[in-house]
Amino acid sequence: MSPNKVVAHRGAWKAKNLPENSIAALKEAIRMQYAGSEFDVRMTANDSLIITHDPDYANLNIEETSYEDLIRFPLKNGEILPTLRQYIVAGMQNNTTTRLVCEIKPSTNKERGVLIAEKVYKLIDELKAQHMVIYISFSYDILKRLEALNPEVHTVP
């Protein structure tokens, strides 16, 4: 999509001191016309798909905490913790160059990880964004489930 070969890890955040995995960092990667922008997906206790790297946010375990409790703590630029829906919608706006590199984080148990993969795939499909997304994960089971849902899906182990 882009002649620029850079893939931004958690968005293009460093130069402008933006929060990693923020919509602002994603928009900066798109503005810079990077080939890709990687982001991390986790699921909250109430099954909200959110964009964050670590298993804890604001000293709260994500898998044991509701999204409503997590968003009480904004990112350093004032953004609320983005949902996958918000992130993908933002990534599709004014973007003809930057692939969305979706890292699905493994869960505390294999079955939950597979469920997260299904929910992520279905949401991205609903948003008609599959053509823009590459999936990565450190869980082979997550990648196998994505490929079972769609053998044409773009995955990278």
Protein backbone atom coordinates (compact mmCIF):
# COMPACT_ATOMS: atom_id res chain seq x y z
CA MET A 1 0.00 0.00 0.00
CA SER A 2 2.79 2.44 0.89
CA PRO A 3 6.23 3.01 -0.62
CA ASN A 4 7.40 3.75 2.95
CA LYS A 5 8.60 0.46 4.50
CA VAL A 6 8.26 1.51 8.17
CA VAL A 7 5.85 -0.38 10.42
CA ALA A 8 5.17 1.66 13.53
CA HIS A 9 5.19 -0.39 16.74
CA ARG A 10 2.14 0.66 18.77
CA GLY A 11 1.69 3.58 16.40
CA ALA A 12 3.99 6.51 15.67
CA TRP A 13 4.21 7.81 19.23
CA LYS A 14 7.79 8.59 20.14
CA ALA A 15 8.64 11.75 18.16
CA LYS A 16 5.54 13.61 19.36
CA ASN A 17 5.42 12.04 22.84
CA LEU A 18 2.03 10.43 22.21
CA PRO A 19 0.70 7.49 24.20
CA GLU A 20 1.53 4.11 22.67
CA ASN A 21 -1.49 2.30 21.20
CA SER A 22 -3.46 5.55 21.11
CA ILE A 23 -5.62 6.78 18.26
CA ALA A 24 -3.34 9.83 18.08
CA ALA A 25 -0.31 7.54 17.50
CA LEU A 26 -2.26 5.63 14.84
CA LYS A 27 -3.23 8.85 13.06
CA GLU A 28 0.40 9.97 13.14
CA ALA A 29 1.50 6.69 11.49
CA ILE A 30 -1.14 7.24 8.80
CA ARG A 31 -0.06 10.87 8.35
CA MET A 32 3.54 9.66 7.90
CA GLN A 33 2.25 7.10 5.35
CA TYR A 34 3.93 4.19 7.09
CA ALA A 35 3.44 0.76 5.56
CA GLY A 36 1.83 -0.42 8.78
CA SER A 37 0.90 0.46 12.32
CA GLU A 38 0.87 -2.33 14.91
CA PHE A 39 -1.51 -2.31 17.88
CA ASP A 40 -2.37 -4.71 20.70
CA VAL A 41 -5.82 -6.11 21.51
CA ARG A 42 -7.00 -7.45 24.86
CA MET A 43 -10.47 -8.22 26.25
CA THR A 44 -11.88 -6.85 29.50
CA ALA A 45 -13.92 -8.73 32.10
CA ASN A 46 -17.13 -7.58 30.39
CA ASP A 47 -15.91 -8.67 26.93
CA SER A 48 -14.92 -5.23 25.62
CA LEU A 49 -12.11 -5.42 23.06
CA ILE A 50 -9.61 -2.71 23.89
CA ILE A 51 -6.28 -1.46 22.59
CA THR A 52 -3.50 -1.80 25.15
CA HIS A 53 -0.24 -3.70 25.41
CA ASP A 54 0.15 -4.89 28.98
CA PRO A 55 -2.15 -7.25 30.90
CA ASP A 56 -2.64 -4.46 33.46
CA TYR A 57 -3.79 -0.90 32.93
CA ALA A 58 -3.71 1.72 35.71
CA ASN A 59 -2.74 -1.10 38.10
CA LEU A 60 -5.90 -3.04 37.19
CA ASN A 61 -5.90 -6.50 35.63
CA ILE A 62 -7.66 -6.04 32.29
CA GLU A 63 -9.24 -9.50 32.19
CA GLU A 64 -10.72 -8.94 35.67
CA THR A 65 -11.86 -5.33 35.17
CA SER A 66 -14.77 -3.81 33.23
CA TYR A 67 -14.18 -1.31 30.47
CA GLU A 68 -16.17 1.28 32.42
CA ASP A 69 -13.71 0.99 35.32
CA LEU A 70 -10.67 1.17 33.04
CA ILE A 71 -11.73 4.35 31.24
CA ARG A 72 -11.76 6.25 34.50
CA PHE A 73 -8.01 6.56 33.82
CA PRO A 74 -7.36 8.47 30.57
CA LEU A 75 -4.21 8.15 28.50
CA LYS A 76 -1.58 10.87 29.02
CA ASN A 77 -2.98 12.91 26.11
CA GLY A 78 -6.52 12.81 27.54
CA GLU A 79 -7.85 10.09 25.21
CA ILE A 80 -9.88 7.35 26.77
CA LEU A 81 -8.57 3.83 26.39
CA PRO A 82 -9.67 3.03 22.81
CA THR A 83 -11.92 0.15 21.93
CA LEU A 84 -11.09 -1.98 18.91
CA ARG A 85 -14.12 -0.53 17.11
CA GLN A 86 -12.95 3.06 17.69
CA TYR A 87 -9.42 2.17 16.66
CA ILE A 88 -10.37 0.43 13.41
CA VAL A 89 -12.81 3.19 12.44
CA ALA A 90 -10.05 5.77 13.04
CA GLY A 91 -7.60 3.63 11.06
CA MET A 92 -9.87 3.56 8.04
CA GLN A 93 -10.33 7.32 7.87
CA ASN A 94 -8.19 9.11 5.28
CA ASN A 95 -5.94 6.07 5.02
CA THR A 96 -4.79 4.71 1.69
CA THR A 97 -1.28 3.66 2.72
CA THR A 98 -1.08 2.16 6.21
CA ARG A 99 -2.00 -1.46 7.00
CA LEU A 100 -3.38 -2.15 10.46
CA VAL A 101 -1.24 -4.81 12.16
CA CYS A 102 -3.50 -6.33 14.81
CA GLU A 103 -1.66 -8.21 17.54
CA ILE A 104 -4.12 -10.31 19.52
CA LYS A 105 -2.59 -10.83 22.93
CA PRO A 106 -2.83 -14.32 24.42
CA SER A 107 -5.22 -14.65 27.33
CA THR A 108 -4.77 -16.34 30.68
CA ASN A 109 -6.36 -19.44 29.16
CA LYS A 110 -6.43 -20.92 25.67
CA GLU A 111 -10.24 -20.95 25.28
CA ARG A 112 -10.52 -17.26 26.15
CA GLY A 113 -7.76 -16.46 23.63
CA VAL A 114 -9.67 -18.28 20.89
CA LEU A 115 -12.85 -16.41 21.87
CA ILE A 116 -10.99 -13.10 21.64
CA ALA A 117 -9.74 -14.07 18.17
CA GLU A 118 -13.31 -14.80 17.04
CA LYS A 119 -14.64 -11.52 18.44
CA VAL A 120 -11.80 -9.51 16.87
CA TYR A 121 -12.27 -11.16 13.48
CA LYS A 122 -16.04 -10.66 13.50
CA LEU A 123 -15.78 -6.99 14.45
CA ILE A 124 -13.17 -6.25 11.79
CA ASP A 125 -15.32 -8.12 9.27
CA GLU A 126 -18.41 -6.15 10.34
CA LEU A 127 -16.47 -2.92 9.79
CA LYS A 128 -15.41 -4.15 6.34
CA ALA A 129 -11.74 -3.66 7.22
CA GLN A 130 -10.30 -7.15 6.57
CA HIS A 131 -8.44 -5.87 3.50
CA MET A 132 -6.50 -3.43 5.70
CA VAL A 133 -5.64 -5.82 8.55
CA ILE A 134 -2.77 -8.23 9.15
CA TYR A 135 -3.12 -10.41 12.26
CA ILE A 136 -0.22 -11.40 14.47
CA SER A 137 -0.09 -13.22 17.79
CA PHE A 138 2.27 -15.15 20.02
CA SER A 139 -0.50 -17.74 20.34
CA TYR A 140 -0.60 -20.39 17.63
CA ASP A 141 -4.16 -21.29 18.69
CA ILE A 142 -5.32 -17.72 18.05
CA LEU A 143 -3.80 -17.73 14.56
CA LYS A 144 -5.25 -21.18 13.79
CA ARG A 145 -8.72 -19.96 14.80
CA LEU A 146 -8.44 -16.90 12.56
CA GLU A 147 -7.44 -19.09 9.62
CA ALA A 148 -10.32 -21.47 10.38
CA LEU A 149 -12.72 -18.51 10.23
CA ASN A 150 -11.24 -17.41 6.91
CA PRO A 151 -8.40 -19.26 5.12
CA GLU A 152 -7.66 -16.05 3.19
CA VAL A 153 -7.01 -13.97 6.33
CA HIS A 154 -3.56 -12.37 6.55
CA THR A 155 -1.69 -13.87 9.51
CA VAL A 156 1.92 -13.73 10.59
CA PRO A 157 3.23 -15.88 13.47
